[in-house]
Amino acid sequence: MPDPVRWSLLRKWHAARQHYVGSSHRTKKSNSL
């Protein structure tokens, strides 16, 4: 697999993971309020 493709995939995966973690954090916070 070419490096640029792997890099873009990794960045996409990382962004999705960050978004998922952030949204789950938000719901937890609003639930505890």
N, C-alpha and C. Protein backbone atom coordinates (compact mmCIF):
# COMPACT_ATOMS: atom_id res chain seq x y z
N MET A 1 0.86 -1.20 0.00
CA MET A 1 0.00 0.00 0.00
C MET A 1 0.89 1.25 0.00
N PRO A 2 0.62 2.22 -0.88
CA PRO A 2 1.43 3.46 -0.90
C PRO A 2 1.29 4.24 0.40
N ASP A 3 2.34 4.96 0.74
CA ASP A 3 2.35 5.68 2.02
C ASP A 3 1.24 6.73 2.12
N PRO A 4 1.05 7.59 1.10
CA PRO A 4 0.01 8.63 1.22
C PRO A 4 -1.36 8.04 1.50
N VAL A 5 -1.67 6.91 0.86
CA VAL A 5 -2.97 6.29 1.08
C VAL A 5 -3.10 5.82 2.52
N ARG A 6 -2.04 5.18 3.00
CA ARG A 6 -2.07 4.69 4.38
C ARG A 6 -2.22 5.85 5.36
N TRP A 7 -1.53 6.95 5.07
CA TRP A 7 -1.57 8.11 5.94
C TRP A 7 -2.98 8.70 6.00
N SER A 8 -3.63 8.79 4.81
CA SER A 8 -4.98 9.37 4.77
C SER A 8 -5.95 8.45 5.51
N LEU A 9 -5.76 7.14 5.35
CA LEU A 9 -6.64 6.20 6.05
C LEU A 9 -6.47 6.34 7.56
N LEU A 10 -5.21 6.44 7.98
CA LEU A 10 -4.92 6.56 9.41
C LEU A 10 -5.56 7.84 9.96
N ARG A 11 -5.41 8.94 9.21
CA ARG A 11 -5.98 10.21 9.68
C ARG A 11 -7.50 10.13 9.75
N LYS A 12 -8.09 9.47 8.75
CA LYS A 12 -9.56 9.34 8.74
C LYS A 12 -10.00 8.55 9.96
N TRP A 13 -9.30 7.42 10.23
CA TRP A 13 -9.65 6.57 11.35
C TRP A 13 -9.49 7.32 12.68
N HIS A 14 -8.39 8.07 12.78
CA HIS A 14 -8.12 8.81 14.01
C HIS A 14 -9.20 9.87 14.24
N ALA A 15 -9.58 10.58 13.17
CA ALA A 15 -10.60 11.62 13.30
C ALA A 15 -11.92 11.00 13.73
N ALA A 16 -12.27 9.86 13.14
CA ALA A 16 -13.53 9.20 13.49
C ALA A 16 -13.50 8.77 14.96
N ARG A 17 -12.35 8.26 15.39
CA ARG A 17 -12.23 7.81 16.78
C ARG A 17 -12.38 9.00 17.74
N GLN A 18 -11.71 10.11 17.40
CA GLN A 18 -11.79 11.30 18.24
C GLN A 18 -13.24 11.79 18.32
N HIS A 19 -13.92 11.79 17.18
CA HIS A 19 -15.31 12.26 17.14
C HIS A 19 -16.18 11.36 18.01
N TYR A 20 -15.97 10.05 17.91
CA TYR A 20 -16.77 9.10 18.69
C TYR A 20 -16.53 9.30 20.19
N VAL A 21 -15.25 9.42 20.55
CA VAL A 21 -14.91 9.61 21.97
C VAL A 21 -15.51 10.92 22.48
N GLY A 22 -15.39 11.99 21.68
CA GLY A 22 -15.92 13.28 22.10
C GLY A 22 -17.42 13.24 22.30
N SER A 23 -18.14 12.60 21.36
CA SER A 23 -19.60 12.57 21.47
C SER A 23 -20.02 11.74 22.68
N SER A 24 -19.33 10.62 22.92
CA SER A 24 -19.68 9.78 24.06
C SER A 24 -19.41 10.54 25.36
N HIS A 25 -18.33 11.32 25.38
CA HIS A 25 -18.01 12.14 26.55
C HIS A 25 -19.14 13.12 26.82
N ARG A 26 -19.62 13.76 25.74
CA ARG A 26 -20.67 14.77 25.89
C ARG A 26 -21.94 14.14 26.46
N THR A 27 -22.34 12.98 25.94
CA THR A 27 -23.59 12.36 26.41
C THR A 27 -23.45 11.98 27.88
N LYS A 28 -22.27 11.47 28.24
CA LYS A 28 -22.05 11.09 29.64
C LYS A 28 -22.19 12.32 30.55
N LYS A 29 -21.61 13.45 30.10
CA LYS A 29 -21.64 14.66 30.90
C LYS A 29 -23.08 15.14 31.07
N SER A 30 -23.83 15.18 29.97
CA SER A 30 -25.20 15.69 30.04
C SER A 30 -26.07 14.74 30.88
N ASN A 31 -25.74 13.45 30.85
CA ASN A 31 -26.52 12.49 31.64
C ASN A 31 -26.29 12.70 33.13
N SER A 32 -25.05 13.03 33.52
CA SER A 32 -24.74 13.19 34.93
C SER A 32 -25.24 14.53 35.46
N LEU A 33 -25.53 15.47 34.57
CA LEU A 33 -25.98 16.79 35.03
C LEU A 33 -27.35 16.69 35.67
